[in-house]
PDB file of N, CA and C in Angstrom:
ATOM      1  N   MET A   1      66.583 -85.783 -28.829  1.00  0.00           N
ATOM      2  CA  MET A   1      66.502 -84.701 -27.863  1.00  0.00           C
ATOM      3  C   MET A   1      67.669 -84.835 -26.886  1.00  0.00           C
ATOM      4  N   SER A   2      68.352 -83.759 -26.657  1.00  0.00           N
ATOM      5  CA  SER A   2      69.463 -83.806 -25.711  1.00  0.00           C
ATOM      6  C   SER A   2      69.052 -83.149 -24.400  1.00  0.00           C
ATOM      7  N   GLN A   3      69.627 -83.630 -23.335  1.00  0.00           N
ATOM      8  CA  GLN A   3      69.384 -83.032 -22.027  1.00  0.00           C
ATOM      9  C   GLN A   3      70.602 -82.222 -21.627  1.00  0.00           C
ATOM     10  N   HIS A   4      70.358 -81.142 -20.908  1.00  0.00           N
ATOM     11  CA  HIS A   4      71.442 -80.297 -20.435  1.00  0.00           C
ATOM     12  C   HIS A   4      71.480 -80.387 -18.917  1.00  0.00           C
ATOM     13  N   PHE A   5      72.651 -80.681 -18.398  1.00  0.00           N
ATOM     14  CA  PHE A   5      72.830 -80.704 -16.954  1.00  0.00           C
ATOM     15  C   PHE A   5      73.837 -79.622 -16.623  1.00  0.00           C
ATOM     16  N   TRP A   6      73.321 -78.447 -16.338  1.00  0.00           N
ATOM     17  CA  TRP A   6      74.153 -77.268 -16.146  1.00  0.00           C
ATOM     18  C   TRP A   6      74.825 -77.271 -14.791  1.00  0.00           C
ATOM     19  N   THR A   7      76.074 -76.939 -14.787  1.00  0.00           N
ATOM     20  CA  THR A   7      76.800 -76.601 -13.571  1.00  0.00           C
ATOM     21  C   THR A   7      77.771 -75.499 -13.951  1.00  0.00           C
ATOM     22  N   PRO A   8      78.130 -74.636 -13.016  1.00  0.00           N
ATOM     23  CA  PRO A   8      79.067 -73.554 -13.363  1.00  0.00           C
ATOM     24  C   PRO A   8      80.384 -74.080 -13.905  1.00  0.00           C
ATOM     25  N   GLU A   9      80.822 -75.237 -13.429  1.00  0.00           N
ATOM     26  CA  GLU A   9      82.101 -75.781 -13.899  1.00  0.00           C
ATOM     27  C   GLU A   9      82.026 -76.225 -15.351  1.00  0.00           C
ATOM     28  N   ILE A  10      80.855 -76.641 -15.800  1.00  0.00           N
ATOM     29  CA  ILE A  10      80.704 -77.127 -17.169  1.00  0.00           C
ATOM     30  C   ILE A  10      80.529 -75.974 -18.147  1.00  0.00           C
ATOM     31  N   ASP A  11      79.779 -74.961 -17.774  1.00  0.00           N
ATOM     32  CA  ASP A  11      79.475 -73.856 -18.685  1.00  0.00           C
ATOM     33  C   ASP A  11      79.696 -72.506 -18.012  1.00  0.00           C
ATOM     34  N   PRO A  12      80.954 -72.159 -17.733  1.00  0.00           N
ATOM     35  CA  PRO A  12      81.212 -70.895 -17.035  1.00  0.00           C
ATOM     36  C   PRO A  12      80.844 -69.660 -17.850  1.00  0.00           C
ATOM     37  N   ALA A  13      80.709 -69.782 -19.161  1.00  0.00           N
ATOM     38  CA  ALA A  13      80.365 -68.631 -19.990  1.00  0.00           C
ATOM     39  C   ALA A  13      78.896 -68.248 -19.865  1.00  0.00           C
ATOM     40  N   HIS A  14      78.052 -69.187 -19.424  1.00  0.00           N
ATOM     41  CA  HIS A  14      76.618 -68.935 -19.320  1.00  0.00           C
ATOM     42  C   HIS A  14      76.071 -69.443 -17.990  1.00  0.00           C
ATOM     43  N   PRO A  15      76.588 -68.959 -16.874  1.00  0.00           N
ATOM     44  CA  PRO A  15      76.192 -69.516 -15.576  1.00  0.00           C
ATOM     45  C   PRO A  15      74.745 -69.258 -15.180  1.00  0.00           C
ATOM     46  N   MET A  16      74.080 -68.287 -15.785  1.00  0.00           N
ATOM     47  CA  MET A  16      72.714 -67.985 -15.380  1.00  0.00           C
ATOM     48  C   MET A  16      71.658 -68.537 -16.348  1.00  0.00           C
ATOM     49  N   ASP A  17      72.089 -69.341 -17.318  1.00  0.00           N
ATOM     50  CA  ASP A  17      71.122 -69.903 -18.263  1.00  0.00           C
ATOM     51  C   ASP A  17      70.208 -70.925 -17.598  1.00  0.00           C
ATOM     52  N   CYS A  18      70.690 -71.591 -16.572  1.00  0.00           N
ATOM     53  CA  CYS A  18      69.884 -72.511 -15.776  1.00  0.00           C
ATOM     54  C   CYS A  18      69.160 -73.533 -16.639  1.00  0.00           C
ATOM     55  N   THR A  19      69.903 -74.246 -17.450  1.00  0.00           N
ATOM     56  CA  THR A  19      69.295 -75.258 -18.300  1.00  0.00           C
ATOM     57  C   THR A  19      69.031 -76.547 -17.546  1.00  0.00           C
ATOM     58  N   GLN A  20      69.521 -76.660 -16.318  1.00  0.00           N
ATOM     59  CA  GLN A  20      69.261 -77.843 -15.519  1.00  0.00           C
ATOM     60  C   GLN A  20      67.793 -77.835 -15.090  1.00  0.00           C
ATOM     61  N   PRO A  21      67.036 -78.901 -15.400  1.00  0.00           N
ATOM     62  CA  PRO A  21      65.603 -78.896 -15.117  1.00  0.00           C
ATOM     63  C   PRO A  21      65.248 -79.080 -13.645  1.00  0.00           C
ATOM     64  N   GLU A  22      66.183 -79.505 -12.831  1.00  0.00           N
ATOM     65  CA  GLU A  22      65.871 -79.776 -11.435  1.00  0.00           C
ATOM     66  C   GLU A  22      65.789 -78.495 -10.625  1.00  0.00           C
ATOM     67  N   ARG A  23      64.910 -78.505  -9.623  1.00  0.00           N
ATOM     68  CA  ARG A  23      64.782 -77.390  -8.690  1.00  0.00           C
ATOM     69  C   ARG A  23      64.660 -77.965  -7.290  1.00  0.00           C
ATOM     70  N   TYR A  24      65.162 -77.211  -6.314  1.00  0.00           N
ATOM     71  CA  TYR A  24      65.159 -77.647  -4.916  1.00  0.00           C
ATOM     72  C   TYR A  24      64.624 -76.525  -4.040  1.00  0.00           C
ATOM     73  N   VAL A  25      63.921 -76.895  -2.984  1.00  0.00           N
ATOM     74  CA  VAL A  25      63.408 -75.928  -2.018  1.00  0.00           C
ATOM     75  C   VAL A  25      63.790 -76.402  -0.622  1.00  0.00           C
ATOM     76  N   LEU A  26      63.656 -75.495   0.353  1.00  0.00           N
ATOM     77  CA  LEU A  26      63.916 -75.846   1.742  1.00  0.00           C
ATOM     78  C   LEU A  26      62.587 -76.059   2.451  1.00  0.00           C
ATOM     79  N   GLN A  27      62.462 -77.209   3.110  1.00  0.00           N
ATOM     80  CA  GLN A  27      61.233 -77.542   3.837  1.00  0.00           C
ATOM     81  C   GLN A  27      61.549 -77.678   5.322  1.00  0.00           C
ATOM     82  N   ARG A  28      60.695 -77.076   6.138  1.00  0.00           N
ATOM     83  CA  ARG A  28      60.863 -77.209   7.592  1.00  0.00           C
ATOM     84  C   ARG A  28      60.569 -78.655   7.966  1.00  0.00           C
ATOM     85  N   LEU A  29      61.486 -79.257   8.705  1.00  0.00           N
ATOM     86  CA  LEU A  29      61.294 -80.638   9.130  1.00  0.00           C
ATOM     87  C   LEU A  29      60.069 -80.752  10.029  1.00  0.00           C
ATOM     88  N   GLY A  30      59.265 -81.783   9.784  1.00  0.00           N
ATOM     89  CA  GLY A  30      58.089 -82.022  10.599  1.00  0.00           C
ATOM     90  C   GLY A  30      56.904 -81.137  10.274  1.00  0.00           C
ATOM     91  N   ALA A  31      56.975 -80.383   9.194  1.00  0.00           N
ATOM     92  CA  ALA A  31      55.870 -79.478   8.838  1.00  0.00           C
ATOM     93  C   ALA A  31      55.779 -79.362   7.322  1.00  0.00           C
ATOM     94  N   ASP A  32      54.612 -79.076   6.837  1.00  0.00           N
ATOM     95  CA  ASP A  32      54.425 -78.818   5.407  1.00  0.00           C
ATOM     96  C   ASP A  32      54.594 -77.341   5.126  1.00  0.00           C
ATOM     97  N   ARG A  33      55.740 -76.794   5.491  1.00  0.00           N
ATOM     98  CA  ARG A  33      56.041 -75.379   5.287  1.00  0.00           C
ATOM     99  C   ARG A  33      57.378 -75.285   4.574  1.00  0.00           C
ATOM    100  N   PHE A  34      57.488 -74.291   3.712  1.00  0.00           N
ATOM    101  CA  PHE A  34      58.675 -74.115   2.883  1.00  0.00           C
ATOM    102  C   PHE A  34      59.206 -72.705   3.055  1.00  0.00           C
ATOM    103  N   LEU A  35      60.466 -72.514   2.736  1.00  0.00           N
ATOM    104  CA  LEU A  35      61.099 -71.221   2.934  1.00  0.00           C
ATOM    105  C   LEU A  35      61.062 -70.392   1.656  1.00  0.00           C
ATOM    106  N   ALA A  36      60.683 -69.124   1.806  1.00  0.00           N
ATOM    107  CA  ALA A  36      60.609 -68.196   0.679  1.00  0.00           C
ATOM    108  C   ALA A  36      61.249 -66.877   1.088  1.00  0.00           C
ATOM    109  N   THR A  37      61.537 -66.062   0.088  1.00  0.00           N
ATOM    110  CA  THR A  37      61.967 -64.690   0.353  1.00  0.00           C
ATOM    111  C   THR A  37      60.776 -63.790   0.061  1.00  0.00           C
ATOM    112  N   ALA A  38      60.676 -62.693   0.800  1.00  0.00           N
ATOM    113  CA  ALA A  38      59.520 -61.804   0.635  1.00  0.00           C
ATOM    114  C   ALA A  38      59.929 -60.358   0.869  1.00  0.00           C
ATOM    115  N   GLY A  39      59.169 -59.469   0.291  1.00  0.00           N
ATOM    116  CA  GLY A  39      59.380 -58.043   0.500  1.00  0.00           C
ATOM    117  C   GLY A  39      60.575 -57.497  -0.239  1.00  0.00           C
ATOM    118  N   SER A  40      60.679 -56.183  -0.231  1.00  0.00           N
ATOM    119  CA  SER A  40      61.784 -55.535  -0.931  1.00  0.00           C
ATOM    120  C   SER A  40      63.123 -55.820  -0.265  1.00  0.00           C
ATOM    121  N   ASP A  41      63.080 -56.170   1.032  1.00  0.00           N
ATOM    122  CA  ASP A  41      64.324 -56.513   1.726  1.00  0.00           C
ATOM    123  C   ASP A  41      64.641 -58.000   1.621  1.00  0.00           C
ATOM    124  N   GLU A  42      63.792 -58.754   0.924  1.00  0.00           N
ATOM    125  CA  GLU A  42      63.968 -60.190   0.703  1.00  0.00           C
ATOM    126  C   GLU A  42      64.193 -60.955   2.004  1.00  0.00           C
ATOM    127  N   HIS A  43      63.392 -60.642   3.020  1.00  0.00           N
ATOM    128  CA  HIS A  43      63.495 -61.381   4.285  1.00  0.00           C
ATOM    129  C   HIS A  43      62.926 -62.785   4.093  1.00  0.00           C
ATOM    130  N   LEU A  44      63.289 -63.688   4.991  1.00  0.00           N
ATOM    131  CA  LEU A  44      62.823 -65.069   4.916  1.00  0.00           C
ATOM    132  C   LEU A  44      61.472 -65.204   5.596  1.00  0.00           C
ATOM    133  N   GLU A  45      60.600 -65.973   4.965  1.00  0.00           N
ATOM    134  CA  GLU A  45      59.322 -66.295   5.580  1.00  0.00           C
ATOM    135  C   GLU A  45      58.909 -67.692   5.119  1.00  0.00           C
ATOM    136  N   GLU A  46      58.020 -68.304   5.876  1.00  0.00           N
ATOM    137  CA  GLU A  46      57.554 -69.638   5.526  1.00  0.00           C
ATOM    138  C   GLU A  46      56.252 -69.545   4.750  1.00  0.00           C
ATOM    139  N   VAL A  47      56.128 -70.423   3.743  1.00  0.00           N
ATOM    140  CA  VAL A  47      54.928 -70.488   2.914  1.00  0.00           C
ATOM    141  C   VAL A  47      54.415 -71.925   2.914  1.00  0.00           C
ATOM    142  N   GLU A  48      53.169 -72.102   2.509  1.00  0.00           N
ATOM    143  CA  GLU A  48      52.546 -73.419   2.554  1.00  0.00           C
ATOM    144  C   GLU A  48      52.785 -74.264   1.311  1.00  0.00           C
ATOM    145  N   SER A  49      53.235 -73.666   0.241  1.00  0.00           N
ATOM    146  CA  SER A  49      53.382 -74.385  -1.020  1.00  0.00           C
ATOM    147  C   SER A  49      54.825 -74.358  -1.500  1.00  0.00           C
ATOM    148  N   ALA A  50      55.311 -75.500  -1.978  1.00  0.00           N
ATOM    149  CA  ALA A  50      56.655 -75.559  -2.553  1.00  0.00           C
ATOM    150  C   ALA A  50      56.750 -74.676  -3.793  1.00  0.00           C
ATOM    151  N   ALA A  51      55.628 -74.491  -4.485  1.00  0.00           N
ATOM    152  CA  ALA A  51      55.609 -73.636  -5.677  1.00  0.00           C
ATOM    153  C   ALA A  51      55.865 -72.177  -5.323  1.00  0.00           C
ATOM    154  N   ASP A  52      55.531 -71.774  -4.093  1.00  0.00           N
ATOM    155  CA  ASP A  52      55.748 -70.397  -3.655  1.00  0.00           C
ATOM    156  C   ASP A  52      57.094 -70.207  -2.959  1.00  0.00           C
ATOM    157  N   ALA A  53      57.800 -71.293  -2.727  1.00  0.00           N
ATOM    158  CA  ALA A  53      59.089 -71.236  -2.029  1.00  0.00           C
ATOM    159  C   ALA A  53      60.187 -70.741  -2.964  1.00  0.00           C
ATOM    160  N   TYR A  54      61.279 -70.286  -2.339  1.00  0.00           N
ATOM    161  CA  TYR A  54      62.452 -69.919  -3.131  1.00  0.00           C
ATOM    162  C   TYR A  54      63.025 -71.194  -3.730  1.00  0.00           C
ATOM    163  N   GLN A  55      63.268 -71.211  -5.039  1.00  0.00           N
ATOM    164  CA  GLN A  55      63.766 -72.409  -5.704  1.00  0.00           C
ATOM    165  C   GLN A  55      65.228 -72.258  -6.066  1.00  0.00           C
ATOM    166  N   PHE A  56      66.004 -73.247  -5.661  1.00  0.00           N
ATOM    167  CA  PHE A  56      67.427 -73.301  -5.972  1.00  0.00           C
ATOM    168  C   PHE A  56      67.619 -74.102  -7.252  1.00  0.00           C
ATOM    169  N   HIS A  57      68.614 -73.718  -8.051  1.00  0.00           N
ATOM    170  CA  HIS A  57      68.872 -74.398  -9.315  1.00  0.00           C
ATOM    171  C   HIS A  57      69.801 -75.593  -9.151  1.00  0.00           C
ATOM    172  N   THR A  58      70.505 -75.675  -8.027  1.00  0.00           N
ATOM    173  CA  THR A  58      71.386 -76.818  -7.781  1.00  0.00           C
ATOM    174  C   THR A  58      71.172 -77.327  -6.366  1.00  0.00           C
ATOM    175  N   GLN A  59      71.355 -78.616  -6.211  1.00  0.00           N
ATOM    176  CA  GLN A  59      71.216 -79.225  -4.892  1.00  0.00           C
ATOM    177  C   GLN A  59      72.286 -78.693  -3.941  1.00  0.00           C
ATOM    178  N   GLU A  60      73.480 -78.474  -4.458  1.00  0.00           N
ATOM    179  CA  GLU A  60      74.580 -77.993  -3.628  1.00  0.00           C
ATOM    180  C   GLU A  60      74.260 -76.642  -3.005  1.00  0.00           C
ATOM    181  N   ALA A  61      73.685 -75.740  -3.788  1.00  0.00           N
ATOM    182  CA  ALA A  61      73.327 -74.414  -3.265  1.00  0.00           C
ATOM    183  C   ALA A  61      72.239 -74.533  -2.203  1.00  0.00           C
ATOM    184  N   ALA A  62      71.276 -75.407  -2.423  1.00  0.00           N
ATOM    185  CA  ALA A  62      70.202 -75.597  -1.442  1.00  0.00           C
ATOM    186  C   ALA A  62      70.746 -76.183  -0.146  1.00  0.00           C
ATOM    187  N   VAL A  63      71.655 -77.137  -0.247  1.00  0.00           N
ATOM    188  CA  VAL A  63      72.251 -77.750   0.948  1.00  0.00           C
ATOM    189  C   VAL A  63      73.047 -76.712   1.734  1.00  0.00           C
ATOM    190  N   ARG A  64      73.828 -75.886   1.040  1.00  0.00           N
ATOM    191  CA  ARG A  64      74.595 -74.836   1.726  1.00  0.00           C
ATOM    192  C   ARG A  64      73.663 -73.875   2.452  1.00  0.00           C
ATOM    193  N   ALA A  65      72.571 -73.483   1.803  1.00  0.00           N
ATOM    194  CA  ALA A  65      71.616 -72.562   2.426  1.00  0.00           C
ATOM    195  C   ALA A  65      70.981 -73.207   3.654  1.00  0.00           C
ATOM    196  N   ALA A  66      70.571 -74.470   3.543  1.00  0.00           N
ATOM    197  CA  ALA A  66      69.957 -75.168   4.680  1.00  0.00           C
ATOM    198  C   ALA A  66      70.946 -75.273   5.837  1.00  0.00           C
ATOM    199  N   GLN A  67      72.183 -75.595   5.551  1.00  0.00           N
ATOM    200  CA  GLN A  67      73.198 -75.703   6.609  1.00  0.00           C
ATOM    201  C   GLN A  67      73.404 -74.365   7.298  1.00  0.00           C
ATOM    202  N   THR A  68      73.448 -73.291   6.540  1.00  0.00           N
ATOM    203  CA  THR A  68      73.647 -71.956   7.107  1.00  0.00           C
ATOM    204  C   THR A  68      72.457 -71.553   7.979  1.00  0.00           C
ATOM    205  N   ILE A  69      71.258 -71.734   7.457  1.00  0.00           N
ATOM    206  CA  ILE A  69      70.054 -71.367   8.211  1.00  0.00           C
ATOM    207  C   ILE A  69      69.925 -72.210   9.473  1.00  0.00           C
ATOM    208  N   ASN A  70      70.206 -73.494   9.367  1.00  0.00           N
ATOM    209  CA  ASN A  70      70.139 -74.372  10.532  1.00  0.00           C
ATOM    210  C   ASN A  70      71.197 -73.986  11.572  1.00  0.00           C
ATOM    211  N   ALA A  71      72.389 -73.632  11.119  1.00  0.00           N
ATOM    212  CA  ALA A  71      73.460 -73.232  12.039  1.00  0.00           C
ATOM    213  C   ALA A  71      73.118 -71.931  12.759  1.00  0.00           C
ATOM    214  N   MET A  72      72.305 -71.081  12.133  1.00  0.00           N
ATOM    215  CA  MET A  72      71.895 -69.821  12.750  1.00  0.00           C
ATOM    216  C   MET A  72      70.731 -70.026  13.728  1.00  0.00           C
ATOM    217  N   GLY A  73      70.252 -71.269  13.843  1.00  0.00           N
ATOM    218  CA  GLY A  73      69.182 -71.566  14.771  1.00  0.00           C
ATOM    219  C   GLY A  73      67.791 -71.282  14.238  1.00  0.00           C
ATOM    220  N   GLN A  74      67.658 -71.115  12.942  1.00  0.00           N
ATOM    221  CA  GLN A  74      66.352 -70.812  12.352  1.00  0.00           C
ATOM    222  C   GLN A  74      65.690 -72.045  11.748  1.00  0.00           C
ATOM    223  N   GLY A  75      66.281 -73.212  11.915  1.00  0.00           N
ATOM    224  CA  GLY A  75      65.772 -74.441  11.319  1.00  0.00           C
ATOM    225  C   GLY A  75      64.944 -75.229  12.302  1.00  0.00           C
ATOM    226  N   PRO A  76      64.802 -76.496  12.078  1.00  0.00           N
ATOM    227  CA  PRO A  76      65.553 -77.280  11.094  1.00  0.00           C
ATOM    228  C   PRO A  76      64.864 -77.302   9.729  1.00  0.00           C
ATOM    229  N   PHE A  77      65.675 -77.104   8.687  1.00  0.00           N
ATOM    230  CA  PHE A  77      65.212 -77.200   7.314  1.00  0.00           C
ATOM    231  C   PHE A  77      65.976 -78.304   6.604  1.00  0.00           C
ATOM    232  N   ASP A  78      65.311 -78.932   5.660  1.00  0.00           N
ATOM    233  CA  ASP A  78      65.917 -79.949   4.833  1.00  0.00           C
ATOM    234  C   ASP A  78      65.682 -79.575   3.374  1.00  0.00           C
ATOM    235  N   VAL A  79      66.463 -80.176   2.488  1.00  0.00           N
ATOM    236  CA  VAL A  79      66.359 -79.913   1.046  1.00  0.00           C
ATOM    237  C   VAL A  79      65.401 -80.913   0.420  1.00  0.00           C
ATOM    238  N   VAL A  80      64.476 -80.392  -0.385  1.00  0.00           N
ATOM    239  CA  VAL A  80      63.505 -81.238  -1.070  1.00  0.00           C
ATOM    240  C   VAL A  80      63.568 -80.929  -2.563  1.00  0.00           C
ATOM    241  N   LYS A  81      63.611 -81.984  -3.371  1.00  0.00           N
ATOM    242  CA  LYS A  81      63.587 -81.795  -4.832  1.00  0.00           C
ATOM    243  C   LYS A  81      62.148 -81.555  -5.261  1.00  0.00           C
ATOM    244  N   VAL A  82      61.950 -80.541  -6.093  1.00  0.00           N
ATOM    245  CA  VAL A  82      60.614 -80.206  -6.604  1.00  0.00           C
ATOM    246  C   VAL A  82      60.419 -80.993  -7.894  1.00  0.00           C
ATOM    247  N   VAL A  83      59.293 -81.688  -7.955  1.00  0.00           N
ATOM    248  CA  VAL A  83      59.004 -82.478  -9.162  1.00  0.00           C
ATOM    249  C   VAL A  83      57.883 -81.865  -9.947  1.00  0.00           C
TER     250      VAL A  83
END
């Protein structure tokens, strides 16, 4: 059995195949709350379950999102790997 570790640099022809099994979510520091998108306008809201949170396919994308949200004063959020 082979494992696939997808990154855009490795497989630019199929960037949305998402063969990488890892997923990351944003968790509010000090709380069991996670960040999700909701509604037709995809606004941000907090949810109680990591399963209901917006899941990132790469750690780098999750870190960038957390840094942006924290810089806008809507944090603090940290990146958590979903197992």
